[in-house]
């Protein structure tokens, strides 16, 4: 069975969903560029929300336009140093022209030859042999950047690099769309002495070159929202009001449901609307999260349609288990922003634990309110939290769950806390207070609802809700619990929740009274008020 969810990278073509408005504006801008009208766009949005997918889908759609050349420069990779940035810029522009003009088969590509000096020299020679002055000058720029230069020559080389798409456009009659992805990373170039010595402020330099170009649209994107807004909206910034901003947000509920329904159907799975809605709520409509959860859900479903138990298993594996795909992503996000600041970590943990007002946070952390406010401002600048009226919450709901499941006391019961029924949550909370680590019990294949772990002791717990003094457990359910516990080497236990109190009583299976068709328990059956009491009594 083919799974049509795809989370390995940006999506295009049939896998592209719900960005028609953004895409339409970009396509119109490419059309207008050919009429002499430049439009600069900045795409801003959270990590993994789909900005790069929009840009790559645009590039795919304009491939058929013989007059438009598109290149995407990843600033995460390019902005290692000023030399690296300008070299990568030139390489991507030249390679984009070679592919659009159809000459790449004859010359080869510079990026593809970067690790082989001899091949790189061959490709460079082939490009110069095409006879286009601007291309030959671009190759000269690449070689010049690779050696020490006097200051005046170095600046002229950087100018030539920045002007290259315009130069090629003027000579060839082609129009360029140059896209700089994760553009906020370019700010790091201002930390190099070389940048200040040769071109000054990198943003001021780029603006001074770009504003004179007539054959090129420059588009930028970034996921560090606060920093991007400073680059674009601060009056002192060289790019103040130079770009029209597109906010790329998570999908709406309806768009998220459509994506999930379509991809489950294409993968030949039938999924309930309740399950679809639960996935949307958990992910907040982030398309990357939707794709990962859908993909892993299909894998865990094996030979049946995914259901709520499959979702419980999947969320536990993907988000809360170290090594899970979303666990690793959230861990990288956390370490890349909070780093080693215990103050910010504790503030995030407090918010994840529902202490969302500054006064509540200050009490939780035992710090002055003013100090709590300063931490909150820093977390807002890191794009991790947002302010709503007088309280604060996470920008990303799934990241909030991860923080709750790894940095707060909820980590001992986070899976049932997130997806359990109210009865399961109640039992999990009580067990957590006893010192048990509580999670769902997928390995039991339905024999138990929860797995409670205390040191080396594993207890499979079947959770039932009953307002009566007596309860009947079918012989089939009883036998499944017995057989599964023997196979997995768990202690079996039954937790009965009386909703009026609410009270939880734990029963060892061997104390249940057998009748003809079921096993019965009532007020006379031996029970325990805590699971640890049952375990250590030896009854389990």
Protein backbone atom coordinates (compact mmCIF):
# COMPACT_ATOMS: atom_id res chain seq x y z
CA UNK A 1 0.00 0.00 0.00
CA UNK A 2 1.46 3.37 -1.06
CA UNK A 3 1.48 6.11 1.56
CA UNK A 4 0.96 9.51 -0.07
CA UNK A 5 1.99 11.62 2.90
CA UNK A 6 5.39 13.23 2.34
CA UNK A 7 7.44 14.97 5.02
CA UNK A 8 10.97 14.60 3.65
CA UNK A 9 11.14 18.17 2.32
CA UNK A 10 9.24 20.91 0.48
CA UNK A 11 6.24 19.63 -1.48
CA UNK A 12 5.29 20.56 -5.03
CA UNK A 13 2.95 19.39 -7.78
CA UNK A 14 0.07 17.18 -6.68
CA UNK A 15 1.34 17.21 -3.09
CA UNK A 16 1.08 21.01 -2.89
CA UNK A 17 -1.92 22.23 -0.88
CA UNK A 18 -3.67 25.41 0.18
CA UNK A 19 -1.35 28.21 -0.88
CA UNK A 20 -3.19 29.32 -3.99
CA UNK A 21 -3.39 32.97 -2.89
CA UNK A 22 0.33 33.32 -2.21
CA UNK A 23 1.20 31.43 -5.38
CA UNK A 24 -1.08 33.60 -7.48
CA UNK A 25 0.61 36.79 -6.26
CA UNK A 26 4.04 35.40 -7.09
CA UNK A 27 2.97 34.30 -10.56
CA UNK A 28 1.45 37.73 -11.24
CA UNK A 29 4.70 39.33 -10.09
CA UNK A 30 6.67 37.23 -12.59
CA UNK A 31 4.25 38.28 -15.33
CA UNK A 32 4.57 41.94 -14.35
CA UNK A 33 8.37 41.74 -14.30
CA UNK A 34 8.32 41.02 -18.02
CA UNK A 35 6.28 44.20 -18.44
CA UNK A 36 8.90 46.22 -16.58
CA UNK A 37 7.22 46.24 -13.14
CA UNK A 38 9.31 44.95 -10.23
CA UNK A 39 7.67 43.48 -7.14
CA UNK A 40 9.71 42.52 -4.10
CA UNK A 41 8.09 40.05 -1.70
CA UNK A 42 9.05 38.83 1.76
CA UNK A 43 7.50 35.55 2.94
CA UNK A 44 7.43 35.31 6.72
CA UNK A 45 6.20 32.39 8.80
CA UNK A 46 7.06 29.81 11.44
CA UNK A 47 9.53 27.06 10.74
CA UNK A 48 8.19 24.20 8.62
CA UNK A 49 4.99 26.09 7.80
CA UNK A 50 5.50 25.79 4.04
CA UNK A 51 7.31 28.92 2.83
CA UNK A 52 9.90 26.97 0.85
CA UNK A 53 7.17 24.79 -0.64
CA UNK A 54 5.44 27.92 -1.97
CA UNK A 55 8.69 29.16 -3.52
CA UNK A 56 9.58 25.80 -5.05
CA UNK A 57 6.09 25.34 -6.44
CA UNK A 58 6.40 28.79 -8.04
CA UNK A 59 9.74 27.76 -9.56
CA UNK A 60 8.16 24.56 -10.89
CA UNK A 61 5.25 26.41 -12.48
CA UNK A 62 7.41 28.98 -14.27
CA UNK A 63 9.77 26.38 -15.71
CA UNK A 64 7.71 26.48 -18.89
CA UNK A 65 8.12 30.27 -19.21
CA UNK A 66 11.11 30.69 -21.49
CA UNK A 67 11.74 34.24 -20.29
CA UNK A 68 11.84 33.66 -16.51
CA UNK A 69 14.90 32.27 -14.70
CA UNK A 70 14.40 31.32 -11.05
CA UNK A 71 17.07 30.52 -8.50
CA UNK A 72 16.73 29.82 -4.79
CA UNK A 73 19.67 30.52 -2.47
CA UNK A 74 19.60 28.89 0.97
CA UNK A 75 21.09 31.46 3.33
CA UNK A 76 21.49 28.84 6.05
CA UNK A 77 24.18 27.27 3.89
CA UNK A 78 25.45 30.35 2.06
CA UNK A 79 25.98 32.71 5.00
CA UNK A 80 28.91 30.88 6.58
CA UNK A 81 31.14 33.80 5.60
CA UNK A 82 30.98 36.80 3.22
CA UNK A 83 33.07 34.94 0.64
CA UNK A 84 30.82 31.89 0.91
CA UNK A 85 27.70 34.05 0.46
CA UNK A 86 28.87 35.84 -2.67
CA UNK A 87 30.34 32.66 -4.17
CA UNK A 88 27.12 30.70 -3.60
CA UNK A 89 25.15 33.61 -5.03
CA UNK A 90 27.18 33.57 -8.25
CA UNK A 91 27.10 29.78 -8.59
CA UNK A 92 23.32 29.59 -8.17
CA UNK A 93 22.69 32.41 -10.65
CA UNK A 94 24.97 30.91 -13.32
CA UNK A 95 23.59 27.38 -12.86
CA UNK A 96 20.02 28.70 -13.09
CA UNK A 97 20.81 30.35 -16.40
CA UNK A 98 22.49 27.21 -17.73
CA UNK A 99 19.44 25.10 -16.91
CA UNK A 100 16.95 27.58 -18.37
CA UNK A 101 18.95 28.10 -21.58
CA UNK A 102 19.40 24.36 -22.10
CA UNK A 103 23.20 24.60 -22.13
CA UNK A 104 23.72 22.73 -18.85
CA UNK A 105 23.98 19.41 -20.71
CA UNK A 106 26.90 20.81 -22.63
CA UNK A 107 28.68 22.65 -19.81
CA UNK A 108 27.75 20.80 -16.64
CA UNK A 109 26.75 22.63 -13.44
CA UNK A 110 29.06 24.45 -11.08
CA UNK A 111 27.23 23.30 -7.95
CA UNK A 112 27.49 19.67 -9.03
CA UNK A 113 31.25 19.96 -9.56
CA UNK A 114 32.06 21.83 -6.36
CA UNK A 115 33.79 18.88 -4.67
CA UNK A 116 36.04 18.00 -7.62
CA UNK A 117 38.58 20.72 -8.51
CA UNK A 118 39.37 19.33 -11.95
CA UNK A 119 35.70 18.98 -12.87
CA UNK A 120 34.97 22.44 -11.47
CA UNK A 121 37.65 23.97 -13.70
CA UNK A 122 36.23 22.09 -16.69
CA UNK A 123 32.70 23.38 -16.07
CA UNK A 124 34.03 26.93 -15.60
CA UNK A 125 35.90 26.73 -18.89
CA UNK A 126 32.80 25.37 -20.65
CA UNK A 127 30.72 28.27 -19.30
CA UNK A 128 33.23 30.84 -20.53
CA UNK A 129 33.25 29.13 -23.92
CA UNK A 130 29.55 29.91 -24.37
CA UNK A 131 30.64 33.42 -25.33
CA UNK A 132 28.33 35.43 -23.06
CA UNK A 133 30.35 38.27 -21.55
CA UNK A 134 28.31 38.35 -18.34
CA UNK A 135 28.79 34.61 -17.78
CA UNK A 136 32.52 34.87 -18.37
CA UNK A 137 32.69 37.78 -15.96
CA UNK A 138 30.76 35.70 -13.41
CA UNK A 139 33.36 32.94 -13.63
CA UNK A 140 36.12 35.53 -13.16
CA UNK A 141 34.30 36.75 -10.04
CA UNK A 142 34.22 33.21 -8.62
CA UNK A 143 37.95 32.77 -9.03
CA UNK A 144 38.66 36.25 -7.67
CA UNK A 145 36.64 35.51 -4.52
CA UNK A 146 38.82 32.47 -3.90
CA UNK A 147 42.04 34.52 -3.47
CA UNK A 148 43.20 37.48 -1.34
CA UNK A 149 42.24 40.84 -2.86
CA UNK A 150 43.04 44.46 -2.25
CA UNK A 151 40.14 46.34 -0.69
CA UNK A 152 39.08 48.24 -3.82
CA UNK A 153 39.27 45.11 -6.00
CA UNK A 154 37.45 43.09 -3.35
CA UNK A 155 34.56 45.58 -3.29
CA UNK A 156 34.38 45.65 -7.10
CA UNK A 157 34.21 41.85 -7.08
CA UNK A 158 31.33 41.86 -4.58
CA UNK A 159 29.52 44.48 -6.65
CA UNK A 160 29.93 42.32 -9.77
CA UNK A 161 28.59 39.30 -7.86
CA UNK A 162 25.50 41.18 -6.64
CA UNK A 163 24.89 42.60 -10.15
CA UNK A 164 25.31 39.26 -11.96
CA UNK A 165 21.61 38.38 -12.49
CA UNK A 166 20.99 41.87 -13.89
CA UNK A 167 24.06 41.63 -16.13
CA UNK A 168 23.01 38.23 -17.53
CA UNK A 169 19.44 39.47 -17.94
CA UNK A 170 20.51 42.57 -19.90
CA UNK A 171 22.71 40.52 -22.21
CA UNK A 172 20.38 37.54 -22.74
CA UNK A 173 16.98 39.24 -22.56
CA UNK A 174 15.90 36.92 -19.75
CA UNK A 175 14.31 37.98 -16.48
CA UNK A 176 15.46 36.65 -13.12
CA UNK A 177 13.63 35.87 -9.90
CA UNK A 178 16.29 35.57 -7.20
CA UNK A 179 14.97 34.07 -3.95
CA UNK A 180 16.96 34.17 -0.72
CA UNK A 181 15.52 31.62 1.71
CA UNK A 182 16.01 32.15 5.48
CA UNK A 183 17.24 35.64 4.67
CA UNK A 184 17.60 36.67 8.31
CA UNK A 185 20.77 34.55 8.38
CA UNK A 186 22.43 37.21 6.24
CA UNK A 187 22.49 39.43 9.34
CA UNK A 188 25.32 37.23 10.64
CA UNK A 189 27.53 38.51 7.80
CA UNK A 190 27.62 41.91 9.51
CA UNK A 191 29.59 40.26 12.29
CA UNK A 192 32.57 39.73 9.97
CA UNK A 193 35.30 42.37 9.76
CA UNK A 194 35.62 41.55 6.08
CA UNK A 195 32.01 42.62 5.44
CA UNK A 196 32.37 45.97 7.18
CA UNK A 197 35.75 46.62 5.57
CA UNK A 198 34.67 45.79 2.01
CA UNK A 199 30.94 46.52 1.59
CA UNK A 200 29.79 47.97 4.93
CA UNK A 201 26.38 46.83 6.16
CA UNK A 202 25.34 43.81 4.06
CA UNK A 203 21.70 44.90 3.83
CA UNK A 204 22.59 48.46 2.81
CA UNK A 205 24.97 47.07 0.20
CA UNK A 206 22.41 44.68 -1.29
CA UNK A 207 19.73 47.37 -1.40
CA UNK A 208 22.10 49.81 -3.15
CA UNK A 209 22.75 47.23 -5.88
CA UNK A 210 19.27 45.75 -6.24
CA UNK A 211 17.44 49.07 -6.58
CA UNK A 212 19.23 49.74 -9.84
CA UNK A 213 18.21 46.44 -11.43
CA UNK A 214 15.34 46.29 -13.92
CA UNK A 215 15.50 42.61 -14.99
CA UNK A 216 15.27 41.02 -11.55
CA UNK A 217 12.70 40.46 -8.81
CA UNK A 218 14.27 39.83 -5.40
CA UNK A 219 12.21 37.81 -2.97
CA UNK A 220 13.20 36.82 0.55
CA UNK A 221 11.78 34.45 3.16
CA UNK A 222 12.47 33.81 6.81
CA UNK A 223 11.26 31.88 9.83
CA UNK A 224 12.83 34.02 12.57
CA UNK A 225 9.85 36.31 12.51
CA UNK A 226 11.01 38.97 14.97
CA UNK A 227 14.36 39.38 13.20
CA UNK A 228 12.70 39.47 9.77
CA UNK A 229 10.32 42.17 11.00
CA UNK A 230 13.29 44.23 12.20
CA UNK A 231 14.94 43.88 8.79
CA UNK A 232 11.76 44.92 6.98
CA UNK A 233 9.95 47.31 9.30
CA UNK A 234 12.49 49.12 11.46
CA UNK A 235 12.87 52.67 10.15
CA UNK A 236 16.65 52.56 10.43
CA UNK A 237 16.83 49.36 8.33
CA UNK A 238 18.03 49.70 4.71
CA UNK A 239 15.10 47.50 3.64
CA UNK A 240 12.45 49.57 5.46
CA UNK A 241 9.23 49.28 3.39
CA UNK A 242 11.09 47.81 0.42
CA UNK A 243 9.22 44.49 0.42
CA UNK A 244 5.54 43.59 0.41
CA UNK A 245 5.09 41.08 3.23
CA UNK A 246 3.27 37.76 2.84
CA UNK A 247 2.41 36.03 6.09
CA UNK A 248 2.55 32.27 5.55
CA UNK A 249 0.57 30.78 8.43
CA UNK A 250 -0.53 27.29 9.40
CA UNK A 251 -3.46 25.87 7.47
CA UNK A 252 -6.99 26.70 8.51
CA UNK A 253 -9.03 23.88 10.06
CA UNK A 254 -10.88 23.28 6.78
CA UNK A 255 -7.69 23.26 4.71
CA UNK A 256 -6.01 20.92 7.22
CA UNK A 257 -8.95 18.52 7.08
CA UNK A 258 -8.92 18.59 3.29
CA UNK A 259 -5.22 17.71 3.17
CA UNK A 260 -5.66 14.82 5.60
CA UNK A 261 -8.81 13.46 3.95
CA UNK A 262 -7.27 13.63 0.46
CA UNK A 263 -3.99 11.97 1.45
CA UNK A 264 -5.63 9.25 3.54
CA UNK A 265 -7.97 8.46 0.64
CA UNK A 266 -5.06 8.35 -1.83
CA UNK A 267 -3.30 6.00 0.60
CA UNK A 268 -6.45 3.79 0.67
CA UNK A 269 -7.24 4.41 4.34
CA UNK A 270 -10.62 5.31 5.76
CA UNK A 271 -10.33 7.65 8.75
CA UNK A 272 -13.10 9.04 10.94
CA UNK A 273 -13.87 12.75 11.05
CA UNK A 274 -13.21 12.73 14.80
CA UNK A 275 -9.70 11.42 14.25
CA UNK A 276 -9.09 13.98 11.51
CA UNK A 277 -10.20 16.80 13.81
CA UNK A 278 -8.02 15.54 16.65
CA UNK A 279 -4.97 15.59 14.37
CA UNK A 280 -5.78 19.15 13.32
CA UNK A 281 -6.09 20.27 16.94
CA UNK A 282 -2.83 18.60 17.96
CA UNK A 283 -0.80 20.06 15.09
CA UNK A 284 -2.40 23.50 14.94
CA UNK A 285 -2.64 23.05 11.17
CA UNK A 286 1.12 23.09 10.61
CA UNK A 287 1.50 21.26 7.27
CA UNK A 288 4.80 19.63 8.20
CA UNK A 289 3.32 18.20 11.39
CA UNK A 290 0.24 17.04 9.49
CA UNK A 291 2.42 15.24 6.95
CA UNK A 292 4.60 13.58 9.61
CA UNK A 293 1.65 12.49 11.73
CA UNK A 294 -0.25 11.19 8.70
CA UNK A 295 2.76 9.30 7.39
CA UNK A 296 3.53 7.67 10.74
CA UNK A 297 -0.14 6.95 11.40
CA UNK A 298 -0.34 4.96 8.15
CA UNK A 299 2.81 3.03 9.06
CA UNK A 300 1.43 2.14 12.50
CA UNK A 301 -1.98 1.15 11.12
CA UNK A 302 -0.35 -1.76 9.24
CA UNK A 303 -3.27 -3.76 7.81
CA UNK A 304 -6.20 -1.79 9.26
CA UNK A 305 -7.61 1.72 9.10
CA UNK A 306 -6.05 4.14 11.62
CA UNK A 307 -8.15 4.84 14.71
CA UNK A 308 -7.74 6.73 17.97
CA UNK A 309 -5.54 3.96 19.41
CA UNK A 310 -3.25 4.26 16.39
CA UNK A 311 -3.07 8.01 17.00
CA UNK A 312 -2.15 7.43 20.65
CA UNK A 313 0.66 5.10 19.64
CA UNK A 314 1.87 7.45 16.91
CA UNK A 315 1.92 10.57 19.06
CA UNK A 316 3.76 8.72 21.81
CA UNK A 317 6.41 7.45 19.39
CA UNK A 318 6.81 10.56 17.25
CA UNK A 319 6.60 13.41 19.78
CA UNK A 320 7.39 12.04 23.24
CA UNK A 321 9.94 9.28 22.62
CA UNK A 322 13.57 10.46 22.24
CA UNK A 323 14.53 9.80 18.63
CA UNK A 324 10.99 10.36 17.38
CA UNK A 325 10.85 12.62 14.33
CA UNK A 326 8.93 15.45 15.96
CA UNK A 327 10.78 14.95 19.26
CA UNK A 328 14.06 15.55 17.42
CA UNK A 329 12.64 18.55 15.60
CA UNK A 330 11.33 20.15 18.81
CA UNK A 331 14.55 19.36 20.65
CA UNK A 332 16.55 21.12 17.92
CA UNK A 333 14.17 24.10 18.04
CA UNK A 334 14.51 24.27 21.81
CA UNK A 335 18.30 24.00 21.90
CA UNK A 336 18.66 26.45 19.00
CA UNK A 337 16.65 29.16 20.74
CA UNK A 338 16.71 28.67 24.50
CA UNK A 339 20.19 27.15 24.43
CA UNK A 340 21.62 26.95 27.95
CA UNK A 341 19.35 29.54 29.59
CA UNK A 342 17.74 27.82 32.57
CA UNK A 343 15.63 30.94 33.17
CA UNK A 344 14.02 30.77 29.73
CA UNK A 345 13.59 27.00 30.05
CA UNK A 346 11.80 27.36 33.38
CA UNK A 347 9.59 30.14 32.00
CA UNK A 348 8.58 27.99 29.03
CA UNK A 349 7.89 25.07 31.36
CA UNK A 350 5.69 27.30 33.52
CA UNK A 351 3.64 28.42 30.50
CA UNK A 352 3.33 24.82 29.31
CA UNK A 353 2.00 23.96 32.77
CA UNK A 354 -0.79 26.55 32.34
CA UNK A 355 0.87 29.30 34.39
CA UNK A 356 0.29 31.87 31.66
CA UNK A 357 0.08 35.24 33.43
CA UNK A 358 3.19 37.11 34.58
CA UNK A 359 2.04 37.05 38.20
CA UNK A 360 1.45 33.29 38.08
CA UNK A 361 4.83 32.75 36.41
CA UNK A 362 6.60 34.89 39.02
CA UNK A 363 4.99 32.85 41.83
CA UNK A 364 5.83 29.57 40.12
CA UNK A 365 9.48 30.54 39.56
CA UNK A 366 9.75 32.59 42.77
CA UNK A 367 11.03 35.67 40.96
CA UNK A 368 9.84 39.30 40.77
CA UNK A 369 7.11 40.05 38.22
CA UNK A 370 9.47 42.45 36.42
CA UNK A 371 12.00 39.65 35.96
CA UNK A 372 9.27 37.34 34.65
CA UNK A 373 8.23 40.03 32.16
CA UNK A 374 11.79 40.36 30.89
CA UNK A 375 11.95 36.59 30.27
CA UNK A 376 8.61 36.74 28.44
CA UNK A 377 9.87 39.52 26.17
CA UNK A 378 12.93 37.43 25.29
CA UNK A 379 10.75 34.42 24.46
CA UNK A 380 8.54 36.59 22.26
CA UNK A 381 11.65 37.83 20.42
CA UNK A 382 12.59 34.18 19.86
CA UNK A 383 9.15 33.58 18.28
CA UNK A 384 8.33 30.87 20.82
CA UNK A 385 5.42 32.53 22.63
CA UNK A 386 2.81 35.19 21.93
CA UNK A 387 0.83 37.55 24.11
CA UNK A 388 -2.96 37.31 24.18
CA UNK A 389 -4.58 40.03 26.29
CA UNK A 390 -2.93 39.63 29.70
CA UNK A 391 -1.63 36.09 29.31
CA UNK A 392 0.97 34.26 27.24
CA UNK A 393 0.88 31.06 25.24
CA UNK A 394 3.00 29.11 22.79
CA UNK A 395 2.98 30.10 19.12
CA UNK A 396 3.22 26.40 18.24
CA UNK A 397 0.76 24.10 20.09
CA UNK A 398 2.73 20.94 19.32
CA UNK A 399 5.91 22.50 20.69
CA UNK A 400 3.95 23.35 23.84
CA UNK A 401 3.08 19.65 24.20
CA UNK A 402 6.71 18.69 23.74
CA UNK A 403 7.85 21.16 26.39
CA UNK A 404 5.13 19.88 28.75
CA UNK A 405 6.20 16.30 28.04
CA UNK A 406 9.93 16.88 28.57
CA UNK A 407 10.39 19.87 30.89
CA UNK A 408 7.48 19.73 33.37
CA UNK A 409 6.06 17.25 35.91
CA UNK A 410 3.52 16.27 33.25
CA UNK A 411 6.27 14.29 31.50
CA UNK A 412 5.46 11.28 33.70
CA UNK A 413 1.96 11.09 32.16
CA UNK A 414 2.05 13.29 29.05
CA UNK A 415 0.61 10.79 26.54
CA UNK A 416 -2.59 10.00 28.51
CA UNK A 417 -2.80 13.66 29.53
CA UNK A 418 -2.83 14.66 25.86
CA UNK A 419 -5.04 12.02 24.23
CA UNK A 420 -6.60 9.99 27.02
CA UNK A 421 -10.24 9.94 27.97
CA UNK A 422 -11.21 11.87 31.09
CA UNK A 423 -11.17 8.60 33.02
CA UNK A 424 -7.72 7.66 31.72
CA UNK A 425 -6.43 11.14 32.55
CA UNK A 426 -7.72 10.83 36.12
CA UNK A 427 -6.08 7.45 36.64
CA UNK A 428 -2.84 8.60 34.98
CA UNK A 429 -2.71 11.66 37.24
CA UNK A 430 -3.18 9.55 40.37
CA UNK A 431 -0.52 7.08 39.23
CA UNK A 432 1.88 9.91 38.42
CA UNK A 433 1.51 11.21 41.98
CA UNK A 434 2.48 7.77 43.23
CA UNK A 435 5.71 7.98 41.24
CA UNK A 436 4.71 5.84 38.26
CA UNK A 437 5.67 6.79 34.71
CA UNK A 438 2.42 6.36 32.76
CA UNK A 439 1.91 5.90 29.05
CA UNK A 440 -0.46 4.18 26.69
CA UNK A 441 -0.05 0.43 26.30
CA UNK A 442 0.01 -0.22 22.53
CA UNK A 443 2.03 -3.42 22.91
CA UNK A 444 -0.91 -4.99 24.73
CA UNK A 445 -3.13 -4.68 21.62
CA UNK A 446 -6.11 -3.47 23.61
CA UNK A 447 -5.80 -5.75 26.64
CA UNK A 448 -4.72 -2.76 28.75
CA UNK A 449 -5.29 0.98 28.41
CA UNK A 450 -2.24 2.19 30.34
CA UNK A 451 1.21 0.96 31.19
CA UNK A 452 2.44 2.14 34.60
CA UNK A 453 6.18 1.82 35.25
CA UNK A 454 7.90 2.13 38.63
CA UNK A 455 11.58 1.25 38.55
CA UNK A 456 11.64 -2.20 36.91
CA UNK A 457 7.99 -2.97 37.66
CA UNK A 458 5.57 -2.82 34.71
CA UNK A 459 1.84 -2.86 35.41
CA UNK A 460 -0.77 -3.15 32.68
CA UNK A 461 -3.86 -1.22 33.77
CA UNK A 462 -7.32 -1.65 32.26
CA UNK A 463 -9.37 1.46 33.08
CA UNK A 464 -13.13 1.26 33.57
CA UNK A 465 -15.73 3.77 34.73
CA UNK A 466 -18.65 2.60 36.84
CA UNK A 467 -21.13 4.38 39.09
CA UNK A 468 -22.39 1.05 40.52
CA UNK A 469 -20.98 -0.90 43.42
CA UNK A 470 -20.51 -3.95 41.20
CA UNK A 471 -18.82 -4.41 37.84
CA UNK A 472 -18.60 -7.33 35.42
CA UNK A 473 -15.58 -8.09 33.24
CA UNK A 474 -16.18 -10.45 30.34
CA UNK A 475 -14.32 -13.75 30.30
CA UNK A 476 -12.80 -12.78 26.94
CA UNK A 477 -11.40 -9.49 28.34
CA UNK A 478 -10.16 -11.29 31.45
CA UNK A 479 -8.32 -13.94 29.43
CA UNK A 480 -6.75 -11.30 27.16
CA UNK A 481 -5.41 -9.45 30.18
CA UNK A 482 -4.01 -12.63 31.71
CA UNK A 483 -2.40 -13.88 28.51
CA UNK A 484 -0.98 -10.51 27.53
CA UNK A 485 0.47 -9.86 30.97
CA UNK A 486 2.20 -13.25 30.92
CA UNK A 487 3.59 -12.62 27.44
CA UNK A 488 4.88 -9.12 28.26
CA UNK A 489 5.79 -9.94 31.88
CA UNK A 490 3.56 -7.23 33.26
CA UNK A 491 1.47 -7.28 36.41
CA UNK A 492 -2.22 -7.03 35.42
CA UNK A 493 -4.60 -4.72 37.26
CA UNK A 494 -8.07 -3.29 36.83
CA UNK A 495 -8.79 0.34 37.78
CA UNK A 496 -12.44 1.18 38.47
CA UNK A 497 -13.29 4.87 38.60
CA UNK A 498 -16.38 5.99 40.51
CA UNK A 499 -17.31 9.30 38.86
CA UNK A 500 -19.21 10.75 41.82
CA UNK A 501 -16.23 10.92 44.18
CA UNK A 502 -14.13 10.67 41.96
CA UNK A 503 -12.57 7.58 43.49
CA UNK A 504 -10.19 5.04 41.95
CA UNK A 505 -10.02 1.46 43.18
CA UNK A 506 -7.44 -1.03 41.94
CA UNK A 507 -8.27 -4.74 41.70
CA UNK A 508 -5.87 -7.65 41.21
CA UNK A 509 -7.33 -10.02 38.63
CA UNK A 510 -7.02 -13.07 40.85
CA UNK A 511 -9.42 -11.55 43.39
CA UNK A 512 -12.28 -11.25 40.90
CA UNK A 513 -15.21 -13.64 41.40
CA UNK A 514 -15.90 -15.90 38.45
CA UNK A 515 -19.43 -16.54 37.28
CA UNK A 516 -20.63 -18.48 34.26
CA UNK A 517 -20.04 -15.75 31.67
CA UNK A 518 -18.01 -13.06 33.41
CA UNK A 519 -15.85 -12.03 36.32
CA UNK A 520 -17.52 -9.95 39.02
CA UNK A 521 -16.27 -7.43 41.53
CA UNK A 522 -18.23 -5.56 44.18
CA UNK A 523 -17.78 -3.92 47.57
CA UNK A 524 -16.73 -7.27 49.06
CA UNK A 525 -13.92 -7.83 46.55
CA UNK A 526 -10.45 -7.02 47.81
CA UNK A 527 -9.25 -3.73 46.33
CA UNK A 528 -6.58 -1.08 46.91
CA UNK A 529 -6.73 2.71 46.94
CA UNK A 530 -3.31 2.99 45.25
CA UNK A 531 -1.62 0.89 42.61
CA UNK A 532 1.68 0.83 44.50
CA UNK A 533 -0.13 -0.68 47.49
CA UNK A 534 -1.50 -3.42 45.22
CA UNK A 535 1.90 -4.11 43.66
CA UNK A 536 3.85 -4.24 46.91
CA UNK A 537 1.19 -6.35 48.65
CA UNK A 538 2.13 -9.18 46.32
CA UNK A 539 -1.47 -9.50 45.10
CA UNK A 540 -0.49 -8.52 41.59
